[in-house]
Amino acid sequence: KSAGRARSALIVAVSSYASDNVSNLANTIIDAAKLQGALFKLGWSVEMALELGLEQAEKKVEEFAGRGAKGDDDCLFAFVGHGVELNGR
């Protein structure tokens, strides 16, 4: 990390799903915590968002993106969970 350069990360992790068509995941929160720890050791500021619904997750990502990076700042977004396509989206 160089002087004046911020490193911010948002990790969204979802292990439980309300749909019968999508199985729950056993290690999602553990994996997200490991990523958080690794980033923290590298000097990143990390925000965790756990078990959010779609609308909550979208809002959290928009808030994170809205803070914006300045100049040479680094931003990272990670999603830990299932990726699902529904109705072509």
N, C-alpha and C. Protein backbone atom coordinates (compact mmCIF):
# COMPACT_ATOMS: atom_id res chain seq x y z
N LYS A 1 0.86 -1.19 0.00
CA LYS A 1 0.00 0.00 0.00
C LYS A 1 0.89 1.23 0.00
N SER A 2 0.73 2.07 -0.99
CA SER A 2 1.52 3.29 -1.05
C SER A 2 0.78 4.43 -0.37
N ALA A 3 1.52 5.45 0.02
CA ALA A 3 0.94 6.58 0.75
C ALA A 3 -0.20 7.21 -0.05
N GLY A 4 -1.31 7.46 0.62
CA GLY A 4 -2.44 8.12 0.00
C GLY A 4 -3.31 7.22 -0.85
N ARG A 5 -2.94 5.96 -0.96
CA ARG A 5 -3.70 5.02 -1.79
C ARG A 5 -4.59 4.15 -0.90
N ALA A 6 -5.88 4.25 -1.10
CA ALA A 6 -6.84 3.46 -0.30
C ALA A 6 -7.13 2.14 -0.99
N ARG A 7 -7.36 1.13 -0.17
CA ARG A 7 -7.77 -0.18 -0.67
C ARG A 7 -9.02 -0.59 0.08
N SER A 8 -10.14 -0.62 -0.63
CA SER A 8 -11.43 -0.94 -0.02
C SER A 8 -12.06 -2.14 -0.71
N ALA A 9 -12.60 -3.05 0.09
CA ALA A 9 -13.25 -4.23 -0.46
C ALA A 9 -14.62 -4.43 0.17
N LEU A 10 -15.52 -4.96 -0.62
CA LEU A 10 -16.83 -5.38 -0.15
C LEU A 10 -16.97 -6.86 -0.48
N ILE A 11 -17.24 -7.66 0.53
CA ILE A 11 -17.48 -9.09 0.33
C ILE A 11 -18.93 -9.37 0.72
N VAL A 12 -19.70 -9.87 -0.24
CA VAL A 12 -21.08 -10.29 0.01
C VAL A 12 -21.08 -11.81 0.00
N ALA A 13 -21.59 -12.41 1.08
CA ALA A 13 -21.62 -13.86 1.18
C ALA A 13 -23.02 -14.34 1.53
N VAL A 14 -23.50 -15.31 0.76
CA VAL A 14 -24.83 -15.87 0.97
C VAL A 14 -24.72 -17.39 0.99
N SER A 15 -25.14 -18.00 2.09
CA SER A 15 -25.08 -19.45 2.20
C SER A 15 -26.46 -20.09 2.21
N SER A 16 -27.49 -19.33 2.56
CA SER A 16 -28.85 -19.87 2.69
C SER A 16 -29.75 -19.28 1.62
N TYR A 17 -30.50 -20.15 0.97
CA TYR A 17 -31.37 -19.72 -0.12
C TYR A 17 -32.80 -20.18 0.16
N ALA A 18 -33.77 -19.33 -0.16
CA ALA A 18 -35.18 -19.63 0.12
C ALA A 18 -35.79 -20.58 -0.91
N SER A 19 -35.16 -20.74 -2.04
CA SER A 19 -35.70 -21.57 -3.11
C SER A 19 -35.36 -23.04 -2.91
N ASP A 20 -36.32 -23.90 -3.23
CA ASP A 20 -36.08 -25.35 -3.20
C ASP A 20 -35.17 -25.77 -4.36
N ASN A 21 -35.03 -24.90 -5.37
CA ASN A 21 -34.23 -25.21 -6.55
C ASN A 21 -32.75 -24.91 -6.37
N VAL A 22 -32.39 -24.26 -5.27
CA VAL A 22 -31.00 -23.87 -5.02
C VAL A 22 -30.60 -24.41 -3.65
N SER A 23 -29.54 -25.19 -3.62
CA SER A 23 -29.10 -25.77 -2.35
C SER A 23 -28.34 -24.75 -1.52
N ASN A 24 -28.42 -24.92 -0.21
CA ASN A 24 -27.63 -24.08 0.69
C ASN A 24 -26.17 -24.50 0.61
N LEU A 25 -25.28 -23.61 0.98
CA LEU A 25 -23.85 -23.86 0.92
C LEU A 25 -23.27 -23.91 2.33
N ALA A 26 -22.45 -24.89 2.60
CA ALA A 26 -21.94 -25.12 3.96
C ALA A 26 -20.79 -24.19 4.35
N ASN A 27 -19.93 -23.81 3.41
CA ASN A 27 -18.69 -23.12 3.77
C ASN A 27 -18.60 -21.66 3.32
N THR A 28 -19.69 -21.11 2.88
CA THR A 28 -19.67 -19.75 2.32
C THR A 28 -19.12 -18.72 3.30
N ILE A 29 -19.63 -18.70 4.51
CA ILE A 29 -19.22 -17.70 5.49
C ILE A 29 -17.75 -17.91 5.87
N ILE A 30 -17.35 -19.17 5.99
CA ILE A 30 -15.95 -19.47 6.30
C ILE A 30 -15.04 -18.98 5.17
N ASP A 31 -15.43 -19.24 3.92
CA ASP A 31 -14.63 -18.79 2.78
C ASP A 31 -14.54 -17.27 2.73
N ALA A 32 -15.66 -16.60 2.99
CA ALA A 32 -15.67 -15.14 2.98
C ALA A 32 -14.76 -14.60 4.09
N ALA A 33 -14.80 -15.22 5.25
CA ALA A 33 -13.95 -14.78 6.37
C ALA A 33 -12.46 -14.98 6.05
N LYS A 34 -12.14 -16.07 5.36
CA LYS A 34 -10.74 -16.30 4.95
C LYS A 34 -10.28 -15.23 3.97
N LEU A 35 -11.15 -14.89 3.02
CA LEU A 35 -10.82 -13.83 2.07
C LEU A 35 -10.65 -12.50 2.79
N GLN A 36 -11.55 -12.21 3.72
CA GLN A 36 -11.46 -10.99 4.51
C GLN A 36 -10.11 -10.93 5.24
N GLY A 37 -9.72 -12.01 5.89
CA GLY A 37 -8.46 -12.06 6.62
C GLY A 37 -7.26 -11.84 5.73
N ALA A 38 -7.27 -12.47 4.55
CA ALA A 38 -6.16 -12.32 3.61
C ALA A 38 -6.05 -10.88 3.13
N LEU A 39 -7.18 -10.27 2.80
CA LEU A 39 -7.16 -8.88 2.34
C LEU A 39 -6.72 -7.94 3.46
N PHE A 40 -7.21 -8.20 4.67
CA PHE A 40 -6.85 -7.37 5.82
C PHE A 40 -5.34 -7.40 6.04
N LYS A 41 -4.73 -8.58 5.93
CA LYS A 41 -3.28 -8.70 6.09
C LYS A 41 -2.51 -7.91 5.04
N LEU A 42 -3.14 -7.71 3.88
CA LEU A 42 -2.51 -6.95 2.80
C LEU A 42 -2.82 -5.46 2.88
N GLY A 43 -3.49 -5.04 3.95
CA GLY A 43 -3.74 -3.63 4.15
C GLY A 43 -5.06 -3.11 3.61
N TRP A 44 -5.96 -4.00 3.26
CA TRP A 44 -7.26 -3.59 2.73
C TRP A 44 -8.23 -3.30 3.87
N SER A 45 -9.10 -2.34 3.65
CA SER A 45 -10.26 -2.10 4.51
C SER A 45 -11.38 -2.96 3.92
N VAL A 46 -11.95 -3.85 4.74
CA VAL A 46 -12.91 -4.83 4.23
C VAL A 46 -14.25 -4.71 4.95
N GLU A 47 -15.30 -4.60 4.15
CA GLU A 47 -16.67 -4.62 4.68
C GLU A 47 -17.30 -5.95 4.29
N MET A 48 -17.90 -6.62 5.26
CA MET A 48 -18.59 -7.89 5.01
C MET A 48 -20.09 -7.66 5.07
N ALA A 49 -20.80 -8.28 4.14
CA ALA A 49 -22.27 -8.26 4.13
C ALA A 49 -22.73 -9.70 3.99
N LEU A 50 -23.37 -10.22 5.03
CA LEU A 50 -23.71 -11.64 5.07
C LEU A 50 -25.21 -11.88 4.98
N GLU A 51 -25.56 -12.91 4.25
CA GLU A 51 -26.94 -13.41 4.17
C GLU A 51 -27.95 -12.34 3.74
N LEU A 52 -27.59 -11.57 2.73
CA LEU A 52 -28.49 -10.55 2.23
C LEU A 52 -29.39 -11.13 1.14
N GLY A 53 -30.60 -10.60 1.05
CA GLY A 53 -31.47 -10.92 -0.07
C GLY A 53 -31.02 -10.13 -1.29
N LEU A 54 -31.60 -10.41 -2.44
CA LEU A 54 -31.19 -9.77 -3.68
C LEU A 54 -31.25 -8.24 -3.60
N GLU A 55 -32.37 -7.70 -3.15
CA GLU A 55 -32.52 -6.24 -3.09
C GLU A 55 -31.53 -5.62 -2.11
N GLN A 56 -31.32 -6.27 -0.96
CA GLN A 56 -30.35 -5.78 0.02
C GLN A 56 -28.94 -5.81 -0.55
N ALA A 57 -28.60 -6.88 -1.26
CA ALA A 57 -27.27 -7.02 -1.85
C ALA A 57 -27.04 -5.96 -2.92
N GLU A 58 -28.05 -5.74 -3.77
CA GLU A 58 -27.93 -4.71 -4.80
C GLU A 58 -27.71 -3.33 -4.17
N LYS A 59 -28.44 -3.05 -3.11
CA LYS A 59 -28.30 -1.76 -2.42
C LYS A 59 -26.90 -1.62 -1.83
N LYS A 60 -26.38 -2.68 -1.21
CA LYS A 60 -25.05 -2.65 -0.60
C LYS A 60 -23.98 -2.41 -1.66
N VAL A 61 -24.11 -3.08 -2.82
CA VAL A 61 -23.15 -2.89 -3.90
C VAL A 61 -23.22 -1.47 -4.45
N GLU A 62 -24.43 -0.94 -4.61
CA GLU A 62 -24.59 0.44 -5.08
C GLU A 62 -23.96 1.43 -4.10
N GLU A 63 -24.16 1.20 -2.80
CA GLU A 63 -23.55 2.08 -1.80
C GLU A 63 -22.03 2.03 -1.88
N PHE A 64 -21.49 0.82 -2.02
CA PHE A 64 -20.04 0.64 -2.12
C PHE A 64 -19.50 1.34 -3.37
N ALA A 65 -20.16 1.12 -4.49
CA ALA A 65 -19.73 1.75 -5.75
C ALA A 65 -19.88 3.26 -5.69
N GLY A 66 -20.91 3.73 -4.98
CA GLY A 66 -21.16 5.16 -4.87
C GLY A 66 -20.09 5.90 -4.09
N ARG A 67 -19.39 5.20 -3.22
CA ARG A 67 -18.30 5.85 -2.47
C ARG A 67 -17.17 6.22 -3.41
N GLY A 68 -17.01 5.42 -4.45
CA GLY A 68 -16.06 5.71 -5.51
C GLY A 68 -14.61 5.68 -5.09
N ALA A 69 -13.79 5.29 -6.01
CA ALA A 69 -12.34 5.32 -5.81
C ALA A 69 -11.83 6.66 -6.31
N LYS A 70 -10.82 7.15 -5.66
CA LYS A 70 -10.22 8.42 -6.07
C LYS A 70 -8.81 8.15 -6.57
N GLY A 71 -8.49 8.67 -7.74
CA GLY A 71 -7.14 8.53 -8.27
C GLY A 71 -6.69 7.10 -8.39
N ASP A 72 -5.69 6.74 -7.61
CA ASP A 72 -5.10 5.41 -7.68
C ASP A 72 -5.67 4.43 -6.66
N ASP A 73 -6.81 4.76 -6.03
CA ASP A 73 -7.41 3.86 -5.04
C ASP A 73 -7.78 2.53 -5.69
N ASP A 74 -7.74 1.48 -4.90
CA ASP A 74 -8.14 0.16 -5.35
C ASP A 74 -9.46 -0.23 -4.69
N CYS A 75 -10.38 -0.79 -5.47
CA CYS A 75 -11.65 -1.29 -4.94
C CYS A 75 -11.84 -2.71 -5.43
N LEU A 76 -12.37 -3.55 -4.56
CA LEU A 76 -12.60 -4.94 -4.90
C LEU A 76 -13.98 -5.35 -4.41
N PHE A 77 -14.72 -6.03 -5.26
CA PHE A 77 -16.00 -6.62 -4.87
C PHE A 77 -15.91 -8.11 -5.06
N ALA A 78 -16.35 -8.87 -4.05
CA ALA A 78 -16.37 -10.32 -4.15
C ALA A 78 -17.73 -10.83 -3.69
N PHE A 79 -18.28 -11.77 -4.44
CA PHE A 79 -19.50 -12.44 -4.05
C PHE A 79 -19.16 -13.90 -3.80
N VAL A 80 -19.54 -14.40 -2.63
CA VAL A 80 -19.32 -15.79 -2.28
C VAL A 80 -20.69 -16.43 -2.11
N GLY A 81 -21.03 -17.33 -3.02
CA GLY A 81 -22.34 -17.98 -3.00
C GLY A 81 -22.65 -18.52 -4.38
N HIS A 82 -23.91 -18.86 -4.61
CA HIS A 82 -24.33 -19.35 -5.92
C HIS A 82 -24.51 -18.20 -6.88
N GLY A 83 -24.19 -18.42 -8.13
CA GLY A 83 -24.56 -17.51 -9.21
C GLY A 83 -25.72 -18.16 -9.94
N VAL A 84 -26.85 -17.49 -10.03
CA VAL A 84 -28.05 -18.08 -10.61
C VAL A 84 -28.62 -17.15 -11.67
N GLU A 85 -28.99 -17.71 -12.79
CA GLU A 85 -29.70 -16.96 -13.81
C GLU A 85 -31.18 -17.24 -13.68
N LEU A 86 -31.98 -16.19 -13.64
CA LEU A 86 -33.42 -16.32 -13.50
C LEU A 86 -34.09 -15.44 -14.54
N ASN A 87 -34.88 -16.04 -15.39
CA ASN A 87 -35.58 -15.29 -16.45
C ASN A 87 -34.62 -14.49 -17.31
N GLY A 88 -33.48 -15.09 -17.63
CA GLY A 88 -32.51 -14.43 -18.49
C GLY A 88 -31.68 -13.36 -17.83
N ARG A 89 -31.74 -13.24 -16.51
CA ARG A 89 -30.98 -12.23 -15.79
C ARG A 89 -30.06 -12.87 -14.79
